[in-house]
Amino acid sequence: MVPIGIRSPSFCVRRSERVGFNRFDGISGHRAVADVCALTAVAIMSASWPGATIIAAVAALAASGAQAEDGAKYPDWTGQWRRFAVPLPTQPSHDQTKPWGFGQQAPLTPEYEAVLAASIADQAKGGLGNFPTTLGRPAGMPNMMMGFGPLEFVVTPDTTYILIGWHDHYRRIFTDGRDWPEHIEPTFSGYSIGRWVDQDGDGQYDVLEVETRSFKGPRAYDEAGLPLHIDNQSIFRERIYRDNSDPNILHDEITTIDHALTRPWTVDKKYVHNPDPHPDWPEFFTSENNAQVRIGKENYFIGGDGLLMPTQKDQPPPDLRYFKRARK
C-alpha cells in the first residue's frame, strides 16, 4: 500500500480541565487550562487509513495522557473503607465515640430533646420511634455516612462518588466548579458541592471540603431517633481527608447546622482501609425480609407464620373497613 503523501505538523490540543475548585460559600470558581501539545508525523494514506482518523487518534492519546497527569493531583482513596469500630453499649451512632440517643450529647433544643425522649419511649414499647428508615426508606444525610456497610470513594475531576450499598446506595459530590442551582429538587441525600484543597502545598490535593443542602425527610441521625428538624433545612459541611500519621484511616469531619440544634455540631467520623485488594462488597436492602409493616399510625410485625402481629401490648388491630369479612 503506497502512501499518498506524508507531512509532519506540530499541533496543539488546548483544553480547559476543571481541577475541583468550586463556587463555594462565595468563593469564586477557578479553572486551570492545560495545553496538551503533540508532535506527530501524520501520514495521509489510502482510503482505509484516512488522515483525519490518525489525527483524531493522536489527539485522543494526548488528552488521555493529560488526564493521567491531572489524576496525579488527586488523592488515592481507592479500596474499601469500613467504619472505625468503637466498643459501645449500643449500636453505632453519629458520633462514633459515644452511645446513641442522649449518649450522643447533641446540643438539641428543648423541643427536640422531647422528640428524642418520645422516640426512645416508643421504641421501648415496641414502636419504631423517630426512625422510619426501619420500614425501608432511605436514611439520607448524615446517617448514610455511618458506615454500617463498607464505603467506596470514586474520585474524578468533576465528581466524587461515595458508594454505600446500605440504607442508601450512593452520594454525588460535584467538584466541577458549579454554583448552587436556583432550584434543587430535595432528596434524602441532599445536593453536595465540594472543592479540593492542597493543604500542605505539595501539589496534590489532600482535603475534600463539601457542603450539602436541599433535603427531604423524615431523617434522623441514628436508630434511636436522634432528630433533625422537620423543616429539612439542614446544612452539612464536611472535611474528608486521609490521616497524616496513619494513611489507613480516613476522616470525615461533619458539622451539622440544623434548627433542632442550639449551635453547630461537629463530629469526626473515621473509616479504616481494608488491606484486601479484592474485598467482598455485600449488598443490603432494608426492604428485603423486612417484617415491619406500617398501617396508618401503627407499626405491626409479620410473624414467621406470615400473619400480622402486634408490636405493643394491647395494640389495636388495623382498620379493615375496606375488606369483606369471611363468612364462618
C-alpha atoms as a PDB file:
ATOM      1  CA  MET A   1       0.000   0.000   0.000  1.00  0.00           C
ATOM      2  CA  VAL A   2       1.663   3.237  -1.158  1.00  0.00           C
ATOM      3  CA  PRO A   3       1.050   6.371   0.921  1.00  0.00           C
ATOM      4  CA  ILE A   4      -0.366   9.298  -0.991  1.00  0.00           C
ATOM      5  CA  GLY A   5       1.643  11.814   0.996  1.00  0.00           C
ATOM      6  CA  ILE A   6       3.390  12.447   4.295  1.00  0.00           C
ATOM      7  CA  ARG A   7       3.590  15.570   6.366  1.00  0.00           C
ATOM      8  CA  SER A   8       4.817  16.202   9.917  1.00  0.00           C
ATOM      9  CA  PRO A   9       2.988  19.143  11.515  1.00  0.00           C
ATOM     10  CA  SER A  10       3.130  20.163  15.167  1.00  0.00           C
ATOM     11  CA  PHE A  11      -0.320  20.524  16.588  1.00  0.00           C
ATOM     12  CA  CYS A  12      -1.624  21.534  19.961  1.00  0.00           C
ATOM     13  CA  VAL A  13      -4.833  20.411  21.592  1.00  0.00           C
ATOM     14  CA  ARG A  14      -5.984  23.074  24.001  1.00  0.00           C
ATOM     15  CA  ARG A  15      -8.485  22.186  26.615  1.00  0.00           C
ATOM     16  CA  SER A  16      -9.793  23.506  29.895  1.00  0.00           C
ATOM     17  CA  GLU A  17      -9.506  20.973  32.666  1.00  0.00           C
ATOM     18  CA  ARG A  18     -11.509  21.503  35.799  1.00  0.00           C
ATOM     19  CA  VAL A  19      -9.413  20.896  38.869  1.00  0.00           C
ATOM     20  CA  GLY A  20     -12.029  20.936  41.552  1.00  0.00           C
ATOM     21  CA  PHE A  21     -12.367  24.472  42.935  1.00  0.00           C
ATOM     22  CA  ASN A  22     -15.988  25.482  43.184  1.00  0.00           C
ATOM     23  CA  ARG A  23     -18.053  28.496  43.871  1.00  0.00           C
ATOM     24  CA  PHE A  24     -18.423  27.514  47.464  1.00  0.00           C
ATOM     25  CA  ASP A  25     -19.766  29.960  50.058  1.00  0.00           C
ATOM     26  CA  GLY A  26     -18.877  32.980  47.972  1.00  0.00           C
ATOM     27  CA  ILE A  27     -15.526  31.673  46.788  1.00  0.00           C
ATOM     28  CA  SER A  28     -15.257  32.091  43.017  1.00  0.00           C
ATOM     29  CA  GLY A  29     -14.547  29.046  40.956  1.00  0.00           C
ATOM     30  CA  HIS A  30     -11.126  28.614  39.361  1.00  0.00           C
ATOM     31  CA  ARG A  31     -10.084  26.729  36.294  1.00  0.00           C
ATOM     32  CA  ALA A  32      -6.686  25.659  35.143  1.00  0.00           C
ATOM     33  CA  VAL A  33      -6.103  25.481  31.418  1.00  0.00           C
ATOM     34  CA  ALA A  34      -3.976  22.546  30.339  1.00  0.00           C
ATOM     35  CA  ASP A  35      -2.275  22.691  26.964  1.00  0.00           C
ATOM     36  CA  VAL A  36      -1.769  19.259  25.535  1.00  0.00           C
ATOM     37  CA  CYS A  37       0.706  19.516  22.685  1.00  0.00           C
ATOM     38  CA  ALA A  38       1.697  16.631  20.489  1.00  0.00           C
ATOM     39  CA  LEU A  39       4.251  16.392  17.700  1.00  0.00           C
ATOM     40  CA  THR A  40       3.469  13.707  15.174  1.00  0.00           C
ATOM     41  CA  ALA A  41       4.001  12.697  11.624  1.00  0.00           C
ATOM     42  CA  VAL A  42       0.595  12.360  10.064  1.00  0.00           C
ATOM     43  CA  ALA A  43       0.548  10.047   7.092  1.00  0.00           C
ATOM     44  CA  ILE A  44      -2.125  10.696   4.511  1.00  0.00           C
ATOM     45  CA  MET A  45      -2.509   7.154   3.399  1.00  0.00           C
ATOM     46  CA  SER A  46      -5.049   5.186   1.430  1.00  0.00           C
ATOM     47  CA  ALA A  47      -8.798   5.396   1.977  1.00  0.00           C
ATOM     48  CA  SER A  48      -8.547   2.628   4.576  1.00  0.00           C
ATOM     49  CA  TRP A  49      -6.473   4.930   6.846  1.00  0.00           C
ATOM     50  CA  PRO A  50      -7.715   8.483   6.266  1.00  0.00           C
ATOM     51  CA  GLY A  51      -5.564  11.243   7.743  1.00  0.00           C
ATOM     52  CA  ALA A  52      -8.427  12.515   9.888  1.00  0.00           C
ATOM     53  CA  THR A  53      -8.559   9.166  11.682  1.00  0.00           C
ATOM     54  CA  ILE A  54      -4.870   9.335  12.577  1.00  0.00           C
ATOM     55  CA  ILE A  55      -5.134  12.937  13.780  1.00  0.00           C
ATOM     56  CA  ALA A  56      -8.133  12.026  15.970  1.00  0.00           C
ATOM     57  CA  ALA A  57      -6.272   9.056  17.430  1.00  0.00           C
ATOM     58  CA  VAL A  58      -3.225  11.152  18.328  1.00  0.00           C
ATOM     59  CA  ALA A  59      -5.409  13.839  19.879  1.00  0.00           C
ATOM     60  CA  ALA A  60      -7.204  11.226  21.984  1.00  0.00           C
ATOM     61  CA  LEU A  61      -3.887   9.836  23.208  1.00  0.00           C
ATOM     62  CA  ALA A  62      -2.685  13.296  24.100  1.00  0.00           C
ATOM     63  CA  ALA A  63      -5.879  14.068  26.000  1.00  0.00           C
ATOM     64  CA  SER A  64      -5.772  10.781  27.917  1.00  0.00           C
ATOM     65  CA  GLY A  65      -2.183  11.489  28.880  1.00  0.00           C
ATOM     66  CA  ALA A  66      -3.196  14.850  30.254  1.00  0.00           C
ATOM     67  CA  GLN A  67      -5.971  13.228  32.261  1.00  0.00           C
ATOM     68  CA  ALA A  68      -3.480  10.810  33.775  1.00  0.00           C
ATOM     69  CA  GLU A  69      -1.244  13.746  34.669  1.00  0.00           C
ATOM     70  CA  ASP A  70      -4.177  15.593  36.234  1.00  0.00           C
ATOM     71  CA  GLY A  71      -5.109  12.440  38.131  1.00  0.00           C
ATOM     72  CA  ALA A  72      -1.818  12.624  40.000  1.00  0.00           C
ATOM     73  CA  LYS A  73      -3.165  15.755  41.697  1.00  0.00           C
ATOM     74  CA  TYR A  74      -5.953  13.833  43.385  1.00  0.00           C
ATOM     75  CA  PRO A  75      -5.581  11.607  46.457  1.00  0.00           C
ATOM     76  CA  ASP A  76      -5.698   7.836  46.219  1.00  0.00           C
ATOM     77  CA  TRP A  77      -8.739   6.797  48.218  1.00  0.00           C
ATOM     78  CA  THR A  78      -9.326   3.575  46.309  1.00  0.00           C
ATOM     79  CA  GLY A  79     -10.295   0.359  48.032  1.00  0.00           C
ATOM     80  CA  GLN A  80     -12.780  -0.491  50.717  1.00  0.00           C
ATOM     81  CA  TRP A  81     -13.314   1.696  53.788  1.00  0.00           C
ATOM     82  CA  ARG A  82     -15.042   0.319  56.882  1.00  0.00           C
ATOM     83  CA  ARG A  83     -16.362   2.070  59.963  1.00  0.00           C
ATOM     84  CA  PHE A  84     -13.824   2.620  62.727  1.00  0.00           C
ATOM     85  CA  ALA A  85     -15.359   0.365  65.368  1.00  0.00           C
ATOM     86  CA  VAL A  86     -15.539   1.651  68.947  1.00  0.00           C
ATOM     87  CA  PRO A  87     -16.914  -0.695  71.655  1.00  0.00           C
ATOM     88  CA  LEU A  88     -20.222   0.797  72.797  1.00  0.00           C
ATOM     89  CA  PRO A  89     -23.256  -0.434  74.776  1.00  0.00           C
ATOM     90  CA  THR A  90     -25.463   0.468  71.787  1.00  0.00           C
ATOM     91  CA  GLN A  91     -25.317   0.292  68.031  1.00  0.00           C
ATOM     92  CA  PRO A  92     -23.070   2.950  66.452  1.00  0.00           C
ATOM     93  CA  SER A  93     -24.355   6.471  66.065  1.00  0.00           C
ATOM     94  CA  HIS A  94     -23.405   9.808  64.537  1.00  0.00           C
ATOM     95  CA  ASP A  95     -20.501  10.414  66.931  1.00  0.00           C
ATOM     96  CA  GLN A  96     -18.689   7.075  66.759  1.00  0.00           C
ATOM     97  CA  THR A  97     -17.130   7.535  70.198  1.00  0.00           C
ATOM     98  CA  LYS A  98     -20.431   7.841  72.107  1.00  0.00           C
ATOM     99  CA  PRO A  99     -23.558   5.679  72.543  1.00  0.00           C
ATOM    100  CA  TRP A 100     -26.694   6.620  70.670  1.00  0.00           C
ATOM    101  CA  GLY A 101     -29.660   8.662  71.839  1.00  0.00           C
ATOM    102  CA  PHE A 102     -28.938  11.074  74.685  1.00  0.00           C
ATOM    103  CA  GLY A 103     -25.494   9.496  74.971  1.00  0.00           C
ATOM    104  CA  GLN A 104     -24.541  11.477  71.846  1.00  0.00           C
ATOM    105  CA  GLN A 105     -24.768  14.714  73.872  1.00  0.00           C
ATOM    106  CA  ALA A 106     -26.101  16.514  70.808  1.00  0.00           C
ATOM    107  CA  PRO A 107     -26.868  20.197  71.509  1.00  0.00           C
ATOM    108  CA  LEU A 108     -30.612  19.762  70.951  1.00  0.00           C
ATOM    109  CA  THR A 109     -33.182  22.448  71.660  1.00  0.00           C
ATOM    110  CA  PRO A 110     -35.653  21.580  74.466  1.00  0.00           C
ATOM    111  CA  GLU A 111     -38.330  20.887  71.840  1.00  0.00           C
ATOM    112  CA  TYR A 112     -36.181  18.288  70.103  1.00  0.00           C
ATOM    113  CA  GLU A 113     -34.926  16.783  73.343  1.00  0.00           C
ATOM    114  CA  ALA A 114     -38.597  15.948  73.900  1.00  0.00           C
ATOM    115  CA  VAL A 115     -38.784  14.404  70.396  1.00  0.00           C
ATOM    116  CA  LEU A 116     -35.830  12.150  71.224  1.00  0.00           C
ATOM    117  CA  ALA A 117     -37.290  11.177  74.596  1.00  0.00           C
ATOM    118  CA  ALA A 118     -40.602  10.254  72.939  1.00  0.00           C
ATOM    119  CA  SER A 119     -38.760   8.185  70.307  1.00  0.00           C
ATOM    120  CA  ILE A 120     -36.852   6.200  72.926  1.00  0.00           C
ATOM    121  CA  ALA A 121     -40.023   5.621  74.939  1.00  0.00           C
ATOM    122  CA  ASP A 122     -41.934   4.427  71.863  1.00  0.00           C
ATOM    123  CA  GLN A 123     -39.153   2.020  70.894  1.00  0.00           C
ATOM    124  CA  ALA A 124     -39.121   0.635  74.440  1.00  0.00           C
ATOM    125  CA  LYS A 125     -42.777  -0.339  73.902  1.00  0.00           C
ATOM    126  CA  GLY A 126     -42.056  -1.954  70.514  1.00  0.00           C
ATOM    127  CA  GLY A 127     -42.617   1.008  68.218  1.00  0.00           C
ATOM    128  CA  LEU A 128     -40.285   2.470  65.601  1.00  0.00           C
ATOM    129  CA  GLY A 129     -39.875   5.814  67.290  1.00  0.00           C
ATOM    130  CA  ASN A 130     -38.366   8.570  65.188  1.00  0.00           C
ATOM    131  CA  PHE A 131     -36.535   6.283  62.748  1.00  0.00           C
ATOM    132  CA  PRO A 132     -38.812   5.478  59.777  1.00  0.00           C
ATOM    133  CA  THR A 133     -35.851   4.080  57.808  1.00  0.00           C
ATOM    134  CA  THR A 134     -36.643   0.778  59.524  1.00  0.00           C
ATOM    135  CA  LEU A 135     -39.572   0.462  57.111  1.00  0.00           C
ATOM    136  CA  GLY A 136     -37.256   0.512  54.089  1.00  0.00           C
ATOM    137  CA  ARG A 137     -36.982   4.157  53.081  1.00  0.00           C
ATOM    138  CA  PRO A 138     -33.564   5.834  52.695  1.00  0.00           C
ATOM    139  CA  ALA A 139     -31.849   7.214  55.780  1.00  0.00           C
ATOM    140  CA  GLY A 140     -30.223  10.137  53.953  1.00  0.00           C
ATOM    141  CA  MET A 141     -27.670  12.520  55.402  1.00  0.00           C
ATOM    142  CA  PRO A 142     -25.985  12.217  57.805  1.00  0.00           C
ATOM    143  CA  ASN A 143     -26.953   8.648  58.685  1.00  0.00           C
ATOM    144  CA  MET A 144     -25.802   7.387  55.279  1.00  0.00           C
ATOM    145  CA  MET A 145     -22.197   8.160  56.278  1.00  0.00           C
ATOM    146  CA  MET A 146     -22.484   5.941  59.365  1.00  0.00           C
ATOM    147  CA  GLY A 147     -20.505   3.160  57.713  1.00  0.00           C
ATOM    148  CA  PHE A 148     -22.749   0.235  58.692  1.00  0.00           C
ATOM    149  CA  GLY A 149     -21.561  -1.333  55.444  1.00  0.00           C
ATOM    150  CA  PRO A 150     -18.266  -0.685  53.645  1.00  0.00           C
ATOM    151  CA  LEU A 151     -17.805   2.509  51.624  1.00  0.00           C
ATOM    152  CA  GLU A 152     -16.006   3.108  48.342  1.00  0.00           C
ATOM    153  CA  PHE A 153     -14.778   6.532  47.166  1.00  0.00           C
ATOM    154  CA  VAL A 154     -14.532   7.041  43.405  1.00  0.00           C
ATOM    155  CA  VAL A 155     -12.651  10.272  42.682  1.00  0.00           C
ATOM    156  CA  THR A 156     -12.876  12.001  39.301  1.00  0.00           C
ATOM    157  CA  PRO A 157     -12.059  15.645  38.469  1.00  0.00           C
ATOM    158  CA  ASP A 158     -15.725  16.609  38.104  1.00  0.00           C
ATOM    159  CA  THR A 159     -17.438  14.411  40.684  1.00  0.00           C
ATOM    160  CA  THR A 160     -16.534  12.302  43.704  1.00  0.00           C
ATOM    161  CA  TYR A 161     -18.872   9.350  44.193  1.00  0.00           C
ATOM    162  CA  ILE A 162     -19.370   7.593  47.516  1.00  0.00           C
ATOM    163  CA  LEU A 163     -20.789   4.102  47.011  1.00  0.00           C
ATOM    164  CA  ILE A 164     -22.555   2.792  50.095  1.00  0.00           C
ATOM    165  CA  GLY A 165     -24.871  -0.170  49.454  1.00  0.00           C
ATOM    166  CA  TRP A 166     -26.799   0.007  52.738  1.00  0.00           C
ATOM    167  CA  HIS A 167     -29.963   2.013  53.596  1.00  0.00           C
ATOM    168  CA  ASP A 168     -28.704   4.403  50.912  1.00  0.00           C
ATOM    169  CA  HIS A 169     -26.609   3.478  47.905  1.00  0.00           C
ATOM    170  CA  TYR A 170     -24.537   6.429  46.712  1.00  0.00           C
ATOM    171  CA  ARG A 171     -23.672  10.106  47.007  1.00  0.00           C
ATOM    172  CA  ARG A 172     -22.501  12.528  44.327  1.00  0.00           C
ATOM    173  CA  ILE A 173     -20.220  15.388  45.334  1.00  0.00           C
ATOM    174  CA  PHE A 174     -19.811  17.819  42.433  1.00  0.00           C
ATOM    175  CA  THR A 175     -16.312  19.317  42.123  1.00  0.00           C
ATOM    176  CA  ASP A 176     -16.669  20.832  38.651  1.00  0.00           C
ATOM    177  CA  GLY A 177     -16.818  24.482  39.691  1.00  0.00           C
ATOM    178  CA  ARG A 178     -20.606  24.828  39.628  1.00  0.00           C
ATOM    179  CA  ASP A 179     -22.539  27.280  41.766  1.00  0.00           C
ATOM    180  CA  TRP A 180     -25.717  26.399  43.658  1.00  0.00           C
ATOM    181  CA  PRO A 181     -28.616  25.953  41.218  1.00  0.00           C
ATOM    182  CA  GLU A 182     -31.585  28.284  41.556  1.00  0.00           C
ATOM    183  CA  HIS A 183     -33.844  25.281  42.094  1.00  0.00           C
ATOM    184  CA  ILE A 184     -32.777  21.970  43.647  1.00  0.00           C
ATOM    185  CA  GLU A 185     -35.135  19.021  43.919  1.00  0.00           C
ATOM    186  CA  PRO A 186     -34.963  17.913  47.580  1.00  0.00           C
ATOM    187  CA  THR A 187     -33.607  14.418  48.218  1.00  0.00           C
ATOM    188  CA  PHE A 188     -32.726  12.333  51.271  1.00  0.00           C
ATOM    189  CA  SER A 189     -29.010  12.552  50.447  1.00  0.00           C
ATOM    190  CA  GLY A 190     -29.143  16.254  49.537  1.00  0.00           C
ATOM    191  CA  TYR A 191     -27.187  18.196  46.935  1.00  0.00           C
ATOM    192  CA  SER A 192     -23.418  18.302  47.515  1.00  0.00           C
ATOM    193  CA  ILE A 193     -20.845  20.737  46.120  1.00  0.00           C
ATOM    194  CA  GLY A 194     -17.196  20.262  47.009  1.00  0.00           C
ATOM    195  CA  ARG A 195     -13.775  21.675  46.350  1.00  0.00           C
ATOM    196  CA  TRP A 196     -10.342  20.111  46.585  1.00  0.00           C
ATOM    197  CA  VAL A 197      -7.710  21.732  48.793  1.00  0.00           C
ATOM    198  CA  ASP A 198      -3.934  21.293  48.661  1.00  0.00           C
ATOM    199  CA  GLN A 199      -3.472  21.857  52.361  1.00  0.00           C
ATOM    200  CA  ASP A 200       0.287  21.275  52.608  1.00  0.00           C
ATOM    201  CA  GLY A 201       1.230  22.872  49.286  1.00  0.00           C
ATOM    202  CA  ASP A 202       2.875  19.770  47.814  1.00  0.00           C
ATOM    203  CA  GLY A 203       0.960  19.966  44.526  1.00  0.00           C
ATOM    204  CA  GLN A 204      -1.512  17.212  45.405  1.00  0.00           C
ATOM    205  CA  TYR A 205      -4.995  17.659  46.814  1.00  0.00           C
ATOM    206  CA  ASP A 206      -5.411  16.114  50.238  1.00  0.00           C
ATOM    207  CA  VAL A 207      -8.704  17.520  51.623  1.00  0.00           C
ATOM    208  CA  LEU A 208     -12.169  17.488  50.071  1.00  0.00           C
ATOM    209  CA  GLU A 209     -14.373  20.233  51.527  1.00  0.00           C
ATOM    210  CA  VAL A 210     -18.090  19.654  50.969  1.00  0.00           C
ATOM    211  CA  GLU A 211     -21.344  21.457  51.637  1.00  0.00           C
ATOM    212  CA  THR A 212     -24.644  19.611  51.357  1.00  0.00           C
ATOM    213  CA  ARG A 213     -28.147  21.067  51.473  1.00  0.00           C
ATOM    214  CA  SER A 214     -31.678  20.706  49.985  1.00  0.00           C
ATOM    215  CA  PHE A 215     -33.207  17.756  51.838  1.00  0.00           C
ATOM    216  CA  LYS A 216     -36.455  15.960  52.225  1.00  0.00           C
ATOM    217  CA  GLY A 217     -37.393  13.846  55.203  1.00  0.00           C
ATOM    218  CA  PRO A 218     -38.053  12.497  57.649  1.00  0.00           C
ATOM    219  CA  ARG A 219     -34.415  11.812  58.581  1.00  0.00           C
ATOM    220  CA  ALA A 220     -32.637  11.038  61.840  1.00  0.00           C
ATOM    221  CA  TYR A 221     -29.010  10.717  62.925  1.00  0.00           C
ATOM    222  CA  ASP A 222     -29.331   7.208  64.331  1.00  0.00           C
ATOM    223  CA  GLU A 223     -31.649   4.290  65.047  1.00  0.00           C
ATOM    224  CA  ALA A 224     -32.608   5.712  68.447  1.00  0.00           C
ATOM    225  CA  GLY A 225     -34.307   8.513  66.545  1.00  0.00           C
ATOM    226  CA  LEU A 226     -31.899  11.356  67.365  1.00  0.00           C
ATOM    227  CA  PRO A 227     -33.828  14.006  65.431  1.00  0.00           C
ATOM    228  CA  LEU A 228     -33.171  16.576  62.756  1.00  0.00           C
ATOM    229  CA  HIS A 229     -35.625  19.442  62.378  1.00  0.00           C
ATOM    230  CA  ILE A 230     -38.793  18.693  60.420  1.00  0.00           C
ATOM    231  CA  ASP A 231     -38.208  21.777  58.222  1.00  0.00           C
ATOM    232  CA  ASN A 232     -35.405  19.851  56.436  1.00  0.00           C
ATOM    233  CA  GLN A 233     -33.244  22.987  56.288  1.00  0.00           C
ATOM    234  CA  SER A 234     -30.154  21.085  57.460  1.00  0.00           C
ATOM    235  CA  ILE A 235     -26.748  22.071  56.119  1.00  0.00           C
ATOM    236  CA  PHE A 236     -23.770  19.734  56.436  1.00  0.00           C
ATOM    237  CA  ARG A 237     -20.182  20.861  55.966  1.00  0.00           C
ATOM    238  CA  GLU A 238     -17.550  18.166  55.663  1.00  0.00           C
ATOM    239  CA  ARG A 239     -13.781  17.892  55.507  1.00  0.00           C
ATOM    240  CA  ILE A 240     -12.763  14.494  54.150  1.00  0.00           C
ATOM    241  CA  TYR A 241      -9.076  13.580  54.307  1.00  0.00           C
ATOM    242  CA  ARG A 242      -6.616  10.799  54.964  1.00  0.00           C
ATOM    243  CA  ASP A 243      -4.900  10.750  58.346  1.00  0.00           C
ATOM    244  CA  ASN A 244      -1.394  12.234  58.200  1.00  0.00           C
ATOM    245  CA  SER A 245       0.111   9.755  60.659  1.00  0.00           C
ATOM    246  CA  ASP A 246      -1.875   6.677  59.599  1.00  0.00           C
ATOM    247  CA  PRO A 247      -2.912   6.540  55.911  1.00  0.00           C
ATOM    248  CA  ASN A 248      -5.163   3.574  56.697  1.00  0.00           C
ATOM    249  CA  ILE A 249      -7.551   5.999  58.432  1.00  0.00           C
ATOM    250  CA  LEU A 250      -9.893   8.289  56.513  1.00  0.00           C
ATOM    251  CA  HIS A 251     -11.581  11.154  58.370  1.00  0.00           C
ATOM    252  CA  ASP A 252     -14.941  12.750  57.652  1.00  0.00           C
ATOM    253  CA  GLU A 253     -15.352  15.777  59.889  1.00  0.00           C
ATOM    254  CA  ILE A 254     -19.041  16.646  59.653  1.00  0.00           C
ATOM    255  CA  THR A 255     -20.508  19.881  61.007  1.00  0.00           C
ATOM    256  CA  THR A 256     -24.299  19.943  61.220  1.00  0.00           C
ATOM    257  CA  ILE A 257     -26.212  23.214  61.105  1.00  0.00           C
ATOM    258  CA  ASP A 258     -29.863  22.489  61.893  1.00  0.00           C
ATOM    259  CA  HIS A 259     -32.752  24.278  63.578  1.00  0.00           C
ATOM    260  CA  ALA A 260     -33.125  21.390  66.050  1.00  0.00           C
ATOM    261  CA  LEU A 261     -29.688  22.335  67.462  1.00  0.00           C
ATOM    262  CA  THR A 262     -28.712  25.233  69.673  1.00  0.00           C
ATOM    263  CA  ARG A 263     -25.360  25.524  67.853  1.00  0.00           C
ATOM    264  CA  PRO A 264     -23.427  23.784  65.042  1.00  0.00           C
ATOM    265  CA  TRP A 265     -22.404  20.257  65.995  1.00  0.00           C
ATOM    266  CA  THR A 266     -19.147  18.743  64.702  1.00  0.00           C
ATOM    267  CA  VAL A 267     -18.094  15.092  64.868  1.00  0.00           C
ATOM    268  CA  ASP A 268     -15.130  13.258  63.351  1.00  0.00           C
ATOM    269  CA  LYS A 269     -16.142  10.039  61.640  1.00  0.00           C
ATOM    270  CA  LYS A 270     -13.307   7.624  60.883  1.00  0.00           C
ATOM    271  CA  TYR A 271     -13.053   4.793  58.375  1.00  0.00           C
ATOM    272  CA  VAL A 272     -10.420   2.059  58.221  1.00  0.00           C
ATOM    273  CA  HIS A 273      -8.920   0.859  54.926  1.00  0.00           C
ATOM    274  CA  ASN A 274      -9.358  -2.828  54.162  1.00  0.00           C
ATOM    275  CA  PRO A 275      -5.963  -4.219  53.044  1.00  0.00           C
ATOM    276  CA  ASP A 276      -7.652  -6.909  50.932  1.00  0.00           C
ATOM    277  CA  PRO A 277      -7.221  -5.780  47.278  1.00  0.00           C
ATOM    278  CA  HIS A 278     -10.285  -7.829  46.286  1.00  0.00           C
ATOM    279  CA  PRO A 279     -12.734  -7.375  49.183  1.00  0.00           C
ATOM    280  CA  ASP A 280     -16.270  -8.660  49.336  1.00  0.00           C
ATOM    281  CA  TRP A 281     -18.902  -5.987  48.689  1.00  0.00           C
ATOM    282  CA  PRO A 282     -22.114  -7.040  50.484  1.00  0.00           C
ATOM    283  CA  GLU A 283     -25.483  -5.949  49.178  1.00  0.00           C
ATOM    284  CA  PHE A 284     -28.169  -4.783  51.566  1.00  0.00           C
ATOM    285  CA  PHE A 285     -31.728  -3.602  51.048  1.00  0.00           C
ATOM    286  CA  THR A 286     -33.774  -2.597  54.093  1.00  0.00           C
ATOM    287  CA  SER A 287     -36.973  -3.784  52.419  1.00  0.00           C
ATOM    288  CA  GLU A 288     -35.684  -7.329  51.875  1.00  0.00           C
ATOM    289  CA  ASN A 289     -37.015  -9.761  54.502  1.00  0.00           C
ATOM    290  CA  ASN A 290     -38.372  -6.772  56.421  1.00  0.00           C
ATOM    291  CA  ALA A 291     -41.190  -7.866  58.720  1.00  0.00           C
ATOM    292  CA  GLN A 292     -42.108  -4.335  59.836  1.00  0.00           C
ATOM    293  CA  VAL A 293     -45.419  -3.052  58.465  1.00  0.00           C
ATOM    294  CA  ARG A 294     -46.750   0.463  58.911  1.00  0.00           C
ATOM    295  CA  ILE A 295     -50.542   0.847  58.664  1.00  0.00           C
ATOM    296  CA  GLY A 296     -51.911   4.288  59.418  1.00  0.00           C
ATOM    297  CA  LYS A 297     -50.094   5.478  62.519  1.00  0.00           C
ATOM    298  CA  GLU A 298     -49.408   1.981  63.849  1.00  0.00           C
ATOM    299  CA  ASN A 299     -46.471  -0.342  63.289  1.00  0.00           C
ATOM    300  CA  TYR A 300     -47.134  -4.085  63.077  1.00  0.00           C
ATOM    301  CA  PHE A 301     -44.982  -7.157  62.555  1.00  0.00           C
ATOM    302  CA  ILE A 302     -45.321 -10.131  60.203  1.00  0.00           C
ATOM    303  CA  GLY A 303     -44.681 -13.297  62.173  1.00  0.00           C
ATOM    304  CA  GLY A 304     -42.985 -16.464  60.983  1.00  0.00           C
ATOM    305  CA  ASP A 305     -46.392 -17.873  60.035  1.00  0.00           C
ATOM    306  CA  GLY A 306     -46.990 -14.906  57.715  1.00  0.00           C
ATOM    307  CA  LEU A 307     -49.708 -13.414  59.914  1.00  0.00           C
ATOM    308  CA  LEU A 308     -49.884  -9.851  61.176  1.00  0.00           C
ATOM    309  CA  MET A 309     -48.817  -9.449  64.800  1.00  0.00           C
ATOM    310  CA  PRO A 310     -48.979  -6.559  67.269  1.00  0.00           C
ATOM    311  CA  THR A 311     -45.727  -4.902  68.308  1.00  0.00           C
ATOM    312  CA  GLN A 312     -47.091  -3.431  71.538  1.00  0.00           C
ATOM    313  CA  LYS A 313     -49.263  -4.671  74.363  1.00  0.00           C
ATOM    314  CA  ASP A 314     -52.972  -4.073  73.766  1.00  0.00           C
ATOM    315  CA  GLN A 315     -52.269  -2.624  70.322  1.00  0.00           C
ATOM    316  CA  PRO A 316     -55.497  -2.203  68.315  1.00  0.00           C
ATOM    317  CA  PRO A 317     -55.794  -4.088  65.015  1.00  0.00           C
ATOM    318  CA  PRO A 318     -55.706  -2.165  61.748  1.00  0.00           C
ATOM    319  CA  ASP A 319     -58.893  -0.721  60.304  1.00  0.00           C
ATOM    320  CA  LEU A 320     -60.339  -3.389  57.963  1.00  0.00           C
ATOM    321  CA  ARG A 321     -63.420  -1.497  56.778  1.00  0.00           C
ATOM    322  CA  TYR A 322     -62.481  -1.969  53.110  1.00  0.00           C
ATOM    323  CA  PHE A 323     -62.192  -5.756  53.451  1.00  0.00           C
ATOM    324  CA  LYS A 324     -65.098  -8.168  53.284  1.00  0.00           C
ATOM    325  CA  ARG A 325     -65.293 -10.322  56.372  1.00  0.00           C
ATOM    326  CA  ALA A 326     -65.082 -14.018  55.674  1.00  0.00           C
ATOM    327  CA  ARG A 327     -68.258 -15.954  56.371  1.00  0.00           C
ATOM    328  CA  LYS A 328     -67.967 -18.567  59.077  1.00  0.00           C
END
